[in-house]
Amino acid sequence: MAANFSSAEDICEGENCGSITDVTYYIKEKKKLCEDCASKEGCIGKARKGGSNLYCEKHDEEIKLYCKTHGVPLCYSCAMKDHQQPCVQQDIEGAIVECKASLITLKEKANEKLKLCRVYGDQIRQCRIDTDTHLQALKDEIDLVFNEAIQADKEREKEDAAKINQEIDEKNQKLQEEIQKMNDKIQRNEEEREMRHELHLANLDNKARTHRQ
């Protein structure tokens, strides 16, 4: 809702203008302007000194009524010409009060919605934190299981390698024992050979001595 603004004196507030005026025009900022300055600055509404805050540009009258059927403010001329029955009319002040009450209700509902959205936002953020924590825990658990599996495979590889080495060492040990037995047998055969050669030579010597006698 607009307001009635006036300066200390009824002087136009337009730049480089000192005209007398009793009309306040609404532009991007509120100034007391004359008609010429208002047209230059592109006014969007006006209010006369001592008059209503709302003004009908079409009929140059103050806004006094409100059409509830069409949702528009009315001057008396608008009400008589364009908004007779079945339009439902009410006093503009009553409409403003209702509008304020409606805006307050909407503001309260909006604040409730905002609080609810903040609660949902907090819940979503907490859910994301919990989800990230859970996913990290799962990742850590998977990494642990994976590392344990790798370590178990390494241990099995070591055990398998140790078993293979043991089997080969046992086979080599048996071969070494057999080789030792063969060497011992060869040694005995060589000793037998030498002993038999000695006996043979001794027999030959004995025969020679017997023959000479």
N, C-alpha and C. Protein backbone atom coordinates (compact mmCIF):
# COMPACT_ATOMS: atom_id res chain seq x y z
N MET A 1 0.84 -1.18 0.00
CA MET A 1 0.00 0.00 0.00
C MET A 1 0.88 1.22 0.00
N ALA A 2 0.51 2.20 -0.77
CA ALA A 2 1.31 3.42 -0.86
C ALA A 2 1.03 4.31 0.33
N ALA A 3 1.84 5.34 0.53
CA ALA A 3 1.67 6.26 1.64
C ALA A 3 1.62 7.69 1.12
N ASN A 4 1.09 8.62 1.94
CA ASN A 4 0.99 10.02 1.54
C ASN A 4 2.24 10.74 1.99
N PHE A 5 3.04 11.24 1.05
CA PHE A 5 4.30 11.90 1.37
C PHE A 5 4.20 13.38 1.01
N SER A 6 4.76 14.22 1.85
CA SER A 6 4.81 15.65 1.55
C SER A 6 6.06 16.22 2.14
N SER A 7 6.63 17.23 1.49
CA SER A 7 7.81 17.90 2.02
C SER A 7 7.36 19.03 2.93
N ALA A 8 8.32 19.69 3.55
CA ALA A 8 7.98 20.77 4.48
C ALA A 8 7.20 21.86 3.77
N GLU A 9 7.51 22.15 2.56
CA GLU A 9 6.80 23.13 1.74
C GLU A 9 6.31 22.44 0.48
N ASP A 10 5.28 22.99 -0.12
CA ASP A 10 4.71 22.38 -1.32
C ASP A 10 5.52 22.75 -2.55
N ILE A 11 6.79 22.42 -2.52
CA ILE A 11 7.71 22.74 -3.61
C ILE A 11 8.04 21.45 -4.36
N CYS A 12 8.05 21.50 -5.67
CA CYS A 12 8.41 20.34 -6.48
C CYS A 12 9.85 19.94 -6.18
N GLU A 13 10.05 18.63 -5.95
CA GLU A 13 11.37 18.11 -5.63
C GLU A 13 12.15 17.69 -6.87
N GLY A 14 11.62 18.00 -8.05
CA GLY A 14 12.33 17.67 -9.27
C GLY A 14 13.61 18.47 -9.40
N GLU A 15 14.56 17.89 -10.12
CA GLU A 15 15.86 18.54 -10.26
C GLU A 15 15.72 19.87 -11.00
N ASN A 16 16.29 20.92 -10.39
CA ASN A 16 16.26 22.27 -10.97
C ASN A 16 14.83 22.77 -11.22
N CYS A 17 13.90 22.41 -10.30
CA CYS A 17 12.52 22.85 -10.44
C CYS A 17 12.02 23.36 -9.10
N GLY A 18 11.32 24.47 -9.08
CA GLY A 18 10.79 25.03 -7.83
C GLY A 18 9.32 25.29 -7.91
N SER A 19 8.62 24.57 -8.79
CA SER A 19 7.19 24.78 -8.96
C SER A 19 6.42 24.38 -7.71
N ILE A 20 5.26 25.02 -7.51
CA ILE A 20 4.37 24.68 -6.41
C ILE A 20 3.49 23.51 -6.85
N THR A 21 3.34 22.49 -5.98
CA THR A 21 2.50 21.32 -6.31
C THR A 21 1.92 20.73 -5.05
N ASP A 22 0.75 20.14 -5.18
CA ASP A 22 0.14 19.43 -4.04
C ASP A 22 -0.02 17.95 -4.35
N VAL A 23 0.69 17.46 -5.36
CA VAL A 23 0.58 16.06 -5.77
C VAL A 23 1.92 15.36 -5.56
N THR A 24 1.88 14.17 -4.97
CA THR A 24 3.09 13.34 -4.81
C THR A 24 3.05 12.21 -5.82
N TYR A 25 4.05 12.11 -6.67
CA TYR A 25 4.14 11.05 -7.66
C TYR A 25 5.06 9.94 -7.15
N TYR A 26 4.73 8.72 -7.48
CA TYR A 26 5.53 7.58 -7.07
C TYR A 26 6.38 7.12 -8.26
N ILE A 27 7.67 7.28 -8.11
CA ILE A 27 8.61 6.79 -9.12
C ILE A 27 9.48 5.76 -8.42
N LYS A 28 10.70 5.59 -8.85
CA LYS A 28 11.58 4.65 -8.15
C LYS A 28 11.85 5.10 -6.73
N GLU A 29 11.83 6.41 -6.51
CA GLU A 29 11.85 6.97 -5.17
C GLU A 29 10.71 7.97 -5.07
N LYS A 30 10.28 8.26 -3.84
CA LYS A 30 9.11 9.12 -3.65
C LYS A 30 9.54 10.57 -3.54
N LYS A 31 8.99 11.41 -4.41
CA LYS A 31 9.31 12.84 -4.42
C LYS A 31 8.03 13.65 -4.64
N LYS A 32 8.04 14.84 -4.13
CA LYS A 32 6.95 15.77 -4.44
C LYS A 32 7.32 16.47 -5.74
N LEU A 33 6.53 16.23 -6.80
CA LEU A 33 6.87 16.73 -8.13
C LEU A 33 5.71 17.49 -8.75
N CYS A 34 6.06 18.35 -9.69
CA CYS A 34 5.03 18.96 -10.53
C CYS A 34 4.74 18.03 -11.69
N GLU A 35 3.75 18.36 -12.51
CA GLU A 35 3.36 17.49 -13.61
C GLU A 35 4.50 17.27 -14.60
N ASP A 36 5.22 18.34 -14.91
CA ASP A 36 6.30 18.23 -15.90
C ASP A 36 7.40 17.30 -15.41
N CYS A 37 7.84 17.50 -14.16
CA CYS A 37 8.92 16.65 -13.62
C CYS A 37 8.46 15.21 -13.47
N ALA A 38 7.19 15.03 -13.11
CA ALA A 38 6.66 13.67 -12.97
C ALA A 38 6.70 12.94 -14.30
N SER A 39 6.35 13.65 -15.38
CA SER A 39 6.37 13.02 -16.70
C SER A 39 7.79 12.70 -17.14
N LYS A 40 8.74 13.54 -16.73
CA LYS A 40 10.15 13.30 -17.09
C LYS A 40 10.72 12.11 -16.34
N GLU A 41 10.34 11.95 -15.08
CA GLU A 41 10.95 10.89 -14.25
C GLU A 41 10.17 9.59 -14.29
N GLY A 42 9.08 9.55 -15.05
CA GLY A 42 8.36 8.29 -15.24
C GLY A 42 7.65 7.84 -13.98
N CYS A 43 6.68 8.60 -13.49
CA CYS A 43 6.00 8.26 -12.25
C CYS A 43 5.16 7.00 -12.44
N ILE A 44 4.95 6.30 -11.35
CA ILE A 44 4.14 5.08 -11.39
C ILE A 44 2.87 5.23 -10.56
N GLY A 45 2.68 6.37 -9.90
CA GLY A 45 1.47 6.62 -9.12
C GLY A 45 1.59 7.98 -8.47
N LYS A 46 0.46 8.51 -7.93
CA LYS A 46 0.52 9.81 -7.28
C LYS A 46 -0.48 9.87 -6.14
N ALA A 47 -0.24 10.76 -5.24
CA ALA A 47 -1.16 10.99 -4.12
C ALA A 47 -1.24 12.48 -3.87
N ARG A 48 -2.47 13.01 -3.73
CA ARG A 48 -2.65 14.44 -3.49
C ARG A 48 -2.46 14.74 -2.02
N LYS A 49 -2.06 15.96 -1.74
CA LYS A 49 -1.84 16.41 -0.37
C LYS A 49 -3.14 16.32 0.43
N GLY A 50 -3.05 15.69 1.59
CA GLY A 50 -4.21 15.56 2.45
C GLY A 50 -5.24 14.57 1.96
N GLY A 51 -4.97 13.88 0.88
CA GLY A 51 -5.94 12.95 0.33
C GLY A 51 -5.62 11.51 0.69
N SER A 52 -6.35 10.61 0.07
CA SER A 52 -6.13 9.19 0.31
C SER A 52 -4.78 8.75 -0.22
N ASN A 53 -4.29 7.69 0.36
CA ASN A 53 -3.01 7.16 -0.09
C ASN A 53 -3.11 6.54 -1.48
N LEU A 54 -4.32 6.06 -1.86
CA LEU A 54 -4.52 5.42 -3.15
C LEU A 54 -5.32 6.34 -4.05
N TYR A 55 -4.97 6.34 -5.32
CA TYR A 55 -5.56 7.32 -6.23
C TYR A 55 -5.86 6.66 -7.56
N CYS A 56 -7.04 6.95 -8.12
CA CYS A 56 -7.46 6.41 -9.42
C CYS A 56 -7.05 7.38 -10.52
N GLU A 57 -6.13 6.99 -11.35
CA GLU A 57 -5.66 7.83 -12.44
C GLU A 57 -6.74 7.99 -13.51
N LYS A 58 -7.56 6.93 -13.69
CA LYS A 58 -8.56 6.95 -14.76
C LYS A 58 -9.60 8.03 -14.54
N HIS A 59 -10.08 8.17 -13.30
CA HIS A 59 -11.14 9.13 -13.01
C HIS A 59 -10.67 10.29 -12.14
N ASP A 60 -9.38 10.33 -11.83
CA ASP A 60 -8.81 11.41 -11.02
C ASP A 60 -9.55 11.54 -9.69
N GLU A 61 -9.76 10.36 -9.06
CA GLU A 61 -10.45 10.33 -7.77
C GLU A 61 -9.67 9.44 -6.80
N GLU A 62 -9.97 9.63 -5.53
CA GLU A 62 -9.36 8.78 -4.51
C GLU A 62 -10.00 7.40 -4.53
N ILE A 63 -9.20 6.40 -4.20
CA ILE A 63 -9.68 5.03 -4.08
C ILE A 63 -10.43 4.90 -2.76
N LYS A 64 -11.68 4.49 -2.82
CA LYS A 64 -12.49 4.35 -1.62
C LYS A 64 -13.02 2.94 -1.40
N LEU A 65 -13.11 2.15 -2.47
CA LEU A 65 -13.72 0.83 -2.41
C LEU A 65 -12.78 -0.23 -2.98
N TYR A 66 -13.20 -1.47 -2.77
CA TYR A 66 -12.42 -2.61 -3.30
C TYR A 66 -13.41 -3.63 -3.83
N CYS A 67 -13.19 -4.10 -5.06
CA CYS A 67 -14.05 -5.13 -5.66
C CYS A 67 -13.48 -6.50 -5.32
N LYS A 68 -14.18 -7.21 -4.46
CA LYS A 68 -13.71 -8.55 -4.06
C LYS A 68 -13.88 -9.55 -5.20
N THR A 69 -14.85 -9.27 -6.09
CA THR A 69 -15.09 -10.20 -7.20
C THR A 69 -13.92 -10.20 -8.17
N HIS A 70 -13.41 -9.01 -8.50
CA HIS A 70 -12.32 -8.90 -9.47
C HIS A 70 -10.97 -8.63 -8.82
N GLY A 71 -10.95 -8.35 -7.52
CA GLY A 71 -9.68 -8.14 -6.83
C GLY A 71 -8.98 -6.86 -7.24
N VAL A 72 -9.76 -5.76 -7.42
CA VAL A 72 -9.16 -4.49 -7.83
C VAL A 72 -9.68 -3.37 -6.94
N PRO A 73 -8.85 -2.34 -6.67
CA PRO A 73 -9.32 -1.17 -5.93
C PRO A 73 -10.19 -0.28 -6.82
N LEU A 74 -11.15 0.44 -6.22
CA LEU A 74 -12.11 1.23 -7.00
C LEU A 74 -12.27 2.63 -6.42
N CYS A 75 -12.44 3.59 -7.31
CA CYS A 75 -12.99 4.88 -6.90
C CYS A 75 -14.51 4.78 -7.05
N TYR A 76 -15.23 5.82 -6.64
CA TYR A 76 -16.69 5.74 -6.75
C TYR A 76 -17.13 5.63 -8.20
N SER A 77 -16.44 6.31 -9.09
CA SER A 77 -16.81 6.24 -10.51
C SER A 77 -16.62 4.83 -11.06
N CYS A 78 -15.49 4.20 -10.68
CA CYS A 78 -15.25 2.81 -11.12
C CYS A 78 -16.35 1.90 -10.59
N ALA A 79 -16.74 2.13 -9.33
CA ALA A 79 -17.77 1.28 -8.71
C ALA A 79 -19.11 1.45 -9.41
N MET A 80 -19.47 2.66 -9.77
CA MET A 80 -20.76 2.91 -10.39
C MET A 80 -20.80 2.46 -11.85
N LYS A 81 -19.69 2.61 -12.56
CA LYS A 81 -19.69 2.33 -14.00
C LYS A 81 -19.36 0.88 -14.34
N ASP A 82 -18.35 0.33 -13.68
CA ASP A 82 -17.81 -0.97 -14.12
C ASP A 82 -17.98 -2.10 -13.11
N HIS A 83 -18.37 -1.80 -11.88
CA HIS A 83 -18.36 -2.86 -10.86
C HIS A 83 -19.63 -2.83 -10.01
N GLN A 84 -20.77 -2.73 -10.69
CA GLN A 84 -22.04 -2.86 -9.97
C GLN A 84 -22.34 -4.34 -9.76
N GLN A 85 -23.50 -4.65 -9.23
CA GLN A 85 -23.85 -6.05 -9.00
C GLN A 85 -23.75 -6.85 -10.29
N PRO A 86 -23.27 -8.11 -10.25
CA PRO A 86 -23.10 -8.92 -9.03
C PRO A 86 -21.75 -8.76 -8.33
N CYS A 87 -20.99 -7.72 -8.65
CA CYS A 87 -19.69 -7.54 -7.99
C CYS A 87 -19.91 -7.29 -6.50
N VAL A 88 -19.05 -7.86 -5.69
CA VAL A 88 -19.09 -7.66 -4.24
C VAL A 88 -18.06 -6.60 -3.89
N GLN A 89 -18.52 -5.51 -3.27
CA GLN A 89 -17.63 -4.41 -2.94
C GLN A 89 -17.49 -4.28 -1.43
N GLN A 90 -16.40 -3.68 -1.02
CA GLN A 90 -16.22 -3.36 0.39
C GLN A 90 -15.37 -2.11 0.51
N ASP A 91 -15.39 -1.53 1.68
CA ASP A 91 -14.60 -0.34 1.94
C ASP A 91 -13.12 -0.67 1.78
N ILE A 92 -12.37 0.26 1.20
CA ILE A 92 -10.96 0.01 0.92
C ILE A 92 -10.17 -0.23 2.20
N GLU A 93 -10.53 0.49 3.28
CA GLU A 93 -9.82 0.29 4.54
C GLU A 93 -10.03 -1.12 5.07
N GLY A 94 -11.29 -1.60 4.96
CA GLY A 94 -11.56 -2.98 5.37
C GLY A 94 -10.79 -3.97 4.53
N ALA A 95 -10.72 -3.69 3.22
CA ALA A 95 -9.96 -4.57 2.32
C ALA A 95 -8.48 -4.58 2.69
N ILE A 96 -7.98 -3.37 3.06
CA ILE A 96 -6.57 -3.28 3.44
C ILE A 96 -6.32 -4.07 4.71
N VAL A 97 -7.25 -3.95 5.69
CA VAL A 97 -7.11 -4.71 6.94
C VAL A 97 -7.12 -6.20 6.65
N GLU A 98 -8.07 -6.64 5.81
CA GLU A 98 -8.13 -8.06 5.46
C GLU A 98 -6.86 -8.49 4.72
N CYS A 99 -6.40 -7.61 3.84
CA CYS A 99 -5.18 -7.93 3.08
C CYS A 99 -3.99 -8.06 4.02
N LYS A 100 -3.92 -7.13 5.00
CA LYS A 100 -2.82 -7.21 5.97
C LYS A 100 -2.90 -8.50 6.76
N ALA A 101 -4.13 -8.83 7.20
CA ALA A 101 -4.30 -10.07 7.97
C ALA A 101 -3.92 -11.28 7.13
N SER A 102 -4.35 -11.24 5.85
CA SER A 102 -4.00 -12.35 4.95
C SER A 102 -2.49 -12.44 4.74
N LEU A 103 -1.86 -11.26 4.59
CA LEU A 103 -0.40 -11.25 4.42
C LEU A 103 0.30 -11.76 5.66
N ILE A 104 -0.23 -11.38 6.84
CA ILE A 104 0.37 -11.87 8.09
C ILE A 104 0.25 -13.39 8.16
N THR A 105 -0.96 -13.88 7.79
CA THR A 105 -1.16 -15.34 7.79
C THR A 105 -0.21 -16.02 6.81
N LEU A 106 -0.11 -15.43 5.61
CA LEU A 106 0.80 -16.00 4.61
C LEU A 106 2.24 -15.95 5.09
N LYS A 107 2.60 -14.84 5.76
CA LYS A 107 3.96 -14.72 6.28
C LYS A 107 4.23 -15.78 7.33
N GLU A 108 3.23 -15.99 8.22
CA GLU A 108 3.39 -17.02 9.25
C GLU A 108 3.52 -18.40 8.62
N LYS A 109 2.67 -18.66 7.62
CA LYS A 109 2.77 -19.96 6.93
C LYS A 109 4.11 -20.10 6.22
N ALA A 110 4.55 -18.99 5.61
CA ALA A 110 5.84 -19.03 4.92
C ALA A 110 6.97 -19.28 5.91
N ASN A 111 6.87 -18.64 7.09
CA ASN A 111 7.90 -18.87 8.12
C ASN A 111 7.88 -20.32 8.60
N GLU A 112 6.64 -20.87 8.74
CA GLU A 112 6.54 -22.28 9.14
C GLU A 112 7.14 -23.18 8.07
N LYS A 113 6.82 -22.86 6.80
CA LYS A 113 7.39 -23.64 5.70
C LYS A 113 8.92 -23.52 5.70
N LEU A 114 9.40 -22.28 5.96
CA LEU A 114 10.84 -22.06 5.98
C LEU A 114 11.49 -22.87 7.09
N LYS A 115 10.85 -22.86 8.28
CA LYS A 115 11.39 -23.65 9.39
C LYS A 115 11.40 -25.13 9.04
N LEU A 116 10.28 -25.58 8.42
CA LEU A 116 10.20 -26.99 8.02
C LEU A 116 11.27 -27.32 6.99
N CYS A 117 11.47 -26.39 6.04
CA CYS A 117 12.51 -26.61 5.03
C CYS A 117 13.89 -26.67 5.67
N ARG A 118 14.10 -25.82 6.68
CA ARG A 118 15.39 -25.86 7.37
C ARG A 118 15.58 -27.17 8.10
N VAL A 119 14.46 -27.65 8.72
CA VAL A 119 14.54 -28.95 9.40
C VAL A 119 14.86 -30.05 8.39
N TYR A 120 14.14 -30.01 7.24
CA TYR A 120 14.41 -31.00 6.20
C TYR A 120 15.85 -30.88 5.69
N GLY A 121 16.29 -29.61 5.55
CA GLY A 121 17.66 -29.40 5.09
C GLY A 121 18.67 -29.98 6.07
N ASP A 122 18.42 -29.76 7.39
CA ASP A 122 19.31 -30.33 8.40
C ASP A 122 19.27 -31.85 8.35
N GLN A 123 18.06 -32.40 8.18
CA GLN A 123 17.93 -33.86 8.10
C GLN A 123 18.66 -34.41 6.87
N ILE A 124 18.52 -33.69 5.75
CA ILE A 124 19.21 -34.14 4.53
C ILE A 124 20.72 -34.08 4.71
N ARG A 125 21.20 -32.97 5.31
CA ARG A 125 22.65 -32.86 5.55
C ARG A 125 23.13 -33.96 6.49
N GLN A 126 22.33 -34.21 7.56
CA GLN A 126 22.72 -35.27 8.49
C GLN A 126 22.68 -36.63 7.82
N CYS A 127 21.65 -36.83 6.98
CA CYS A 127 21.54 -38.10 6.24
C CYS A 127 22.75 -38.28 5.33
N ARG A 128 23.17 -37.19 4.68
CA ARG A 128 24.34 -37.28 3.81
C ARG A 128 25.59 -37.60 4.61
N ILE A 129 25.70 -36.95 5.80
CA ILE A 129 26.86 -37.24 6.66
C ILE A 129 26.84 -38.70 7.09
N ASP A 130 25.64 -39.17 7.53
CA ASP A 130 25.52 -40.56 7.96
C ASP A 130 25.81 -41.51 6.80
N THR A 131 25.31 -41.15 5.61
CA THR A 131 25.56 -42.00 4.44
C THR A 131 27.05 -42.05 4.11
N ASP A 132 27.70 -40.88 4.15
CA ASP A 132 29.14 -40.84 3.88
C ASP A 132 29.90 -41.67 4.91
N THR A 133 29.48 -41.54 6.18
CA THR A 133 30.13 -42.32 7.24
C THR A 133 29.94 -43.81 7.02
N HIS A 134 28.70 -44.19 6.67
CA HIS A 134 28.40 -45.61 6.43
C HIS A 134 29.18 -46.13 5.23
N LEU A 135 29.22 -45.34 4.16
CA LEU A 135 29.97 -45.76 2.97
C LEU A 135 31.46 -45.89 3.27
N GLN A 136 31.98 -44.96 4.09
CA GLN A 136 33.39 -45.04 4.46
C GLN A 136 33.66 -46.29 5.29
N ALA A 137 32.70 -46.60 6.21
CA ALA A 137 32.85 -47.81 7.02
C ALA A 137 32.83 -49.06 6.13
N LEU A 138 31.91 -49.07 5.15
CA LEU A 138 31.86 -50.20 4.22
C LEU A 138 33.16 -50.31 3.42
N LYS A 139 33.67 -49.17 2.97
CA LYS A 139 34.91 -49.17 2.21
C LYS A 139 36.06 -49.70 3.06
N ASP A 140 36.11 -49.24 4.32
CA ASP A 140 37.17 -49.72 5.22
C ASP A 140 37.04 -51.23 5.44
N GLU A 141 35.79 -51.69 5.60
CA GLU A 141 35.57 -53.12 5.83
C GLU A 141 35.98 -53.93 4.59
N ILE A 142 35.60 -53.43 3.41
CA ILE A 142 35.98 -54.12 2.17
C ILE A 142 37.50 -54.14 2.01
N ASP A 143 38.14 -53.00 2.29
CA ASP A 143 39.60 -52.94 2.20
C ASP A 143 40.24 -53.93 3.17
N LEU A 144 39.67 -54.03 4.38
CA LEU A 144 40.21 -54.95 5.37
C LEU A 144 40.08 -56.39 4.89
N VAL A 145 38.88 -56.75 4.39
CA VAL A 145 38.67 -58.11 3.90
C VAL A 145 39.59 -58.40 2.72
N PHE A 146 39.73 -57.43 1.83
CA PHE A 146 40.58 -57.60 0.66
C PHE A 146 42.04 -57.79 1.07
N ASN A 147 42.50 -56.96 2.00
CA ASN A 147 43.89 -57.07 2.46
C ASN A 147 44.12 -58.39 3.19
N GLU A 148 43.12 -58.81 3.98
CA GLU A 148 43.24 -60.10 4.66
C GLU A 148 43.30 -61.24 3.65
N ALA A 149 42.50 -61.14 2.59
CA ALA A 149 42.52 -62.19 1.56
C ALA A 149 43.88 -62.22 0.86
N ILE A 150 44.42 -61.04 0.56
CA ILE A 150 45.75 -60.98 -0.07
C ILE A 150 46.80 -61.58 0.85
N GLN A 151 46.73 -61.22 2.14
CA GLN A 151 47.70 -61.76 3.10
C GLN A 151 47.57 -63.26 3.23
N ALA A 152 46.30 -63.75 3.23
CA ALA A 152 46.08 -65.19 3.31
C ALA A 152 46.66 -65.90 2.09
N ASP A 153 46.48 -65.30 0.90
CA ASP A 153 47.05 -65.88 -0.32
C ASP A 153 48.57 -65.93 -0.24
N LYS A 154 49.16 -64.86 0.29
CA LYS A 154 50.62 -64.85 0.44
C LYS A 154 51.08 -65.94 1.39
N GLU A 155 50.34 -66.11 2.49
CA GLU A 155 50.70 -67.15 3.45
C GLU A 155 50.57 -68.53 2.83
N ARG A 156 49.47 -68.73 2.06
CA ARG A 156 49.31 -70.02 1.38
C ARG A 156 50.43 -70.27 0.38
N GLU A 157 50.82 -69.22 -0.34
CA GLU A 157 51.92 -69.36 -1.29
C GLU A 157 53.20 -69.75 -0.58
N LYS A 158 53.44 -69.12 0.58
CA LYS A 158 54.64 -69.47 1.35
C LYS A 158 54.57 -70.92 1.82
N GLU A 159 53.38 -71.32 2.32
CA GLU A 159 53.23 -72.70 2.78
C GLU A 159 53.42 -73.69 1.63
N ASP A 160 52.82 -73.37 0.47
CA ASP A 160 52.98 -74.27 -0.69
C ASP A 160 54.44 -74.34 -1.12
N ALA A 161 55.12 -73.20 -1.13
CA ALA A 161 56.53 -73.19 -1.51
C ALA A 161 57.36 -73.99 -0.52
N ALA A 162 57.04 -73.83 0.78
CA ALA A 162 57.78 -74.58 1.80
C ALA A 162 57.54 -76.08 1.66
N LYS A 163 56.29 -76.45 1.35
CA LYS A 163 55.97 -77.86 1.17
C LYS A 163 56.72 -78.44 -0.04
N ILE A 164 56.74 -77.67 -1.15
CA ILE A 164 57.48 -78.12 -2.33
C ILE A 164 58.96 -78.29 -2.02
N ASN A 165 59.52 -77.29 -1.33
CA ASN A 165 60.94 -77.37 -0.97
C ASN A 165 61.22 -78.58 -0.09
N GLN A 166 60.30 -78.84 0.85
CA GLN A 166 60.49 -79.98 1.74
C GLN A 166 60.46 -81.29 0.97
N GLU A 167 59.48 -81.41 0.05
CA GLU A 167 59.39 -82.64 -0.74
C GLU A 167 60.65 -82.85 -1.58
N ILE A 168 61.12 -81.79 -2.25
CA ILE A 168 62.33 -81.91 -3.07
C ILE A 168 63.54 -82.22 -2.21
N ASP A 169 63.62 -81.56 -1.04
CA ASP A 169 64.75 -81.82 -0.14
C ASP A 169 64.75 -83.27 0.32
N GLU A 170 63.56 -83.81 0.61
CA GLU A 170 63.48 -85.21 1.03
C GLU A 170 63.93 -86.14 -0.10
N LYS A 171 63.49 -85.83 -1.33
CA LYS A 171 63.92 -86.65 -2.47
C LYS A 171 65.43 -86.56 -2.66
N ASN A 172 65.94 -85.34 -2.57
CA ASN A 172 67.39 -85.17 -2.71
C ASN A 172 68.15 -85.89 -1.61
N GLN A 173 67.58 -85.88 -0.41
CA GLN A 173 68.23 -86.57 0.71
C GLN A 173 68.28 -88.07 0.45
N LYS A 174 67.18 -88.61 -0.06
CA LYS A 174 67.17 -90.04 -0.38
C LYS A 174 68.20 -90.36 -1.46
N LEU A 175 68.25 -89.49 -2.48
CA LEU A 175 69.24 -89.70 -3.53
C LEU A 175 70.66 -89.64 -2.97
N GLN A 176 70.89 -88.66 -2.08
CA GLN A 176 72.21 -88.54 -1.46
C GLN A 176 72.54 -89.80 -0.67
N GLU A 177 71.54 -90.33 0.04
CA GLU A 177 71.78 -91.56 0.80
C GLU A 177 72.09 -92.73 -0.13
N GLU A 178 71.31 -92.81 -1.23
CA GLU A 178 71.56 -93.89 -2.19
C GLU A 178 72.94 -93.74 -2.82
N ILE A 179 73.28 -92.47 -3.15
CA ILE A 179 74.61 -92.23 -3.72
C ILE A 179 75.70 -92.63 -2.74
N GLN A 180 75.48 -92.31 -1.46
CA GLN A 180 76.47 -92.69 -0.43
C GLN A 180 76.60 -94.20 -0.34
N LYS A 181 75.44 -94.88 -0.42
CA LYS A 181 75.48 -96.35 -0.38
C LYS A 181 76.25 -96.90 -1.59
N MET A 182 75.99 -96.32 -2.76
CA MET A 182 76.70 -96.76 -3.95
C MET A 182 78.20 -96.51 -3.82
N ASN A 183 78.53 -95.33 -3.29
CA ASN A 183 79.95 -95.03 -3.10
C ASN A 183 80.59 -96.01 -2.11
N ASP A 184 79.85 -96.32 -1.06
CA ASP A 184 80.38 -97.30 -0.09
C ASP A 184 80.57 -98.66 -0.75
N LYS A 185 79.62 -99.05 -1.55
CA LYS A 185 79.71 -100.33 -2.24
C LYS A 185 80.89 -100.34 -3.21
N ILE A 186 81.03 -99.22 -3.96
CA ILE A 186 82.17 -99.11 -4.88
C ILE A 186 83.48 -99.20 -4.11
N GLN A 187 83.52 -98.51 -2.96
CA GLN A 187 84.73 -98.55 -2.14
C GLN A 187 85.04 -99.97 -1.70
N ARG A 188 84.02 -100.71 -1.29
CA ARG A 188 84.24 -102.09 -0.86
C ARG A 188 84.69 -102.96 -2.03
N ASN A 189 84.07 -102.72 -3.20
CA ASN A 189 84.48 -103.49 -4.38
C ASN A 189 85.94 -103.22 -4.72
N GLU A 190 86.36 -101.95 -4.63
CA GLU A 190 87.76 -101.61 -4.90
C GLU A 190 88.69 -102.29 -3.90
N GLU A 191 88.26 -102.28 -2.65
CA GLU A 191 89.09 -102.93 -1.62
C GLU A 191 89.17 -104.43 -1.89
N GLU A 192 88.02 -105.01 -2.29
CA GLU A 192 88.02 -106.45 -2.60
C GLU A 192 88.94 -106.74 -3.78
N ARG A 193 88.85 -105.85 -4.81
CA ARG A 193 89.72 -106.03 -5.96
C ARG A 193 91.19 -106.02 -5.54
N GLU A 194 91.55 -105.02 -4.75
CA GLU A 194 92.95 -104.89 -4.33
C GLU A 194 93.39 -106.11 -3.51
N MET A 195 92.50 -106.54 -2.63
CA MET A 195 92.85 -107.69 -1.79
C MET A 195 92.99 -108.95 -2.63
N ARG A 196 92.15 -109.17 -3.60
CA ARG A 196 92.22 -110.36 -4.43
C ARG A 196 93.47 -110.33 -5.31
N HIS A 197 93.80 -109.10 -5.80
CA HIS A 197 95.05 -109.00 -6.56
C HIS A 197 96.24 -109.36 -5.68
N GLU A 198 96.24 -108.91 -4.48
CA GLU A 198 97.35 -109.21 -3.57
C GLU A 198 97.43 -110.72 -3.30
N LEU A 199 96.26 -111.34 -3.09
CA LEU A 199 96.24 -112.79 -2.85
C LEU A 199 96.73 -113.55 -4.09
N HIS A 200 96.31 -113.09 -5.24
CA HIS A 200 96.73 -113.74 -6.46
C HIS A 200 98.25 -113.66 -6.64
N LEU A 201 98.78 -112.45 -6.38
CA LEU A 201 100.23 -112.29 -6.49
C LEU A 201 100.96 -113.17 -5.46
N ALA A 202 100.39 -113.26 -4.30
CA ALA A 202 101.01 -114.09 -3.24
C ALA A 202 101.01 -115.56 -3.65
N ASN A 203 99.94 -116.02 -4.25
CA ASN A 203 99.87 -117.41 -4.71
C ASN A 203 100.90 -117.67 -5.81
N LEU A 204 101.03 -116.70 -6.68
CA LEU A 204 102.03 -116.87 -7.75
C LEU A 204 103.44 -116.96 -7.17
N ASP A 205 103.74 -116.15 -6.17
CA ASP A 205 105.05 -116.19 -5.54
C ASP A 205 105.26 -117.54 -4.87
N ASN A 206 104.26 -118.02 -4.22
CA ASN A 206 104.39 -119.32 -3.54
C ASN A 206 104.64 -120.43 -4.56
N LYS A 207 103.92 -120.38 -5.64
CA LYS A 207 104.11 -121.42 -6.66
C LYS A 207 105.52 -121.34 -7.26
N ALA A 208 106.01 -120.15 -7.44
CA ALA A 208 107.35 -119.99 -8.02
C ALA A 208 108.40 -120.52 -7.07
N ARG A 209 108.26 -120.21 -5.81
CA ARG A 209 109.24 -120.71 -4.83
C ARG A 209 109.17 -122.24 -4.77
N THR A 210 107.98 -122.79 -4.83
CA THR A 210 107.84 -124.25 -4.76
C THR A 210 108.48 -124.89 -5.99
N HIS A 211 108.34 -124.34 -7.10
CA HIS A 211 108.89 -124.89 -8.32
C HIS A 211 110.42 -124.83 -8.31
N ARG A 212 110.99 -123.80 -7.73
CA ARG A 212 112.45 -123.66 -7.69
C ARG A 212 113.03 -124.69 -6.71
N GLN A 213 112.29 -125.06 -5.73
CA GLN A 213 112.80 -126.03 -4.77
C GLN A 213 112.81 -127.42 -5.41
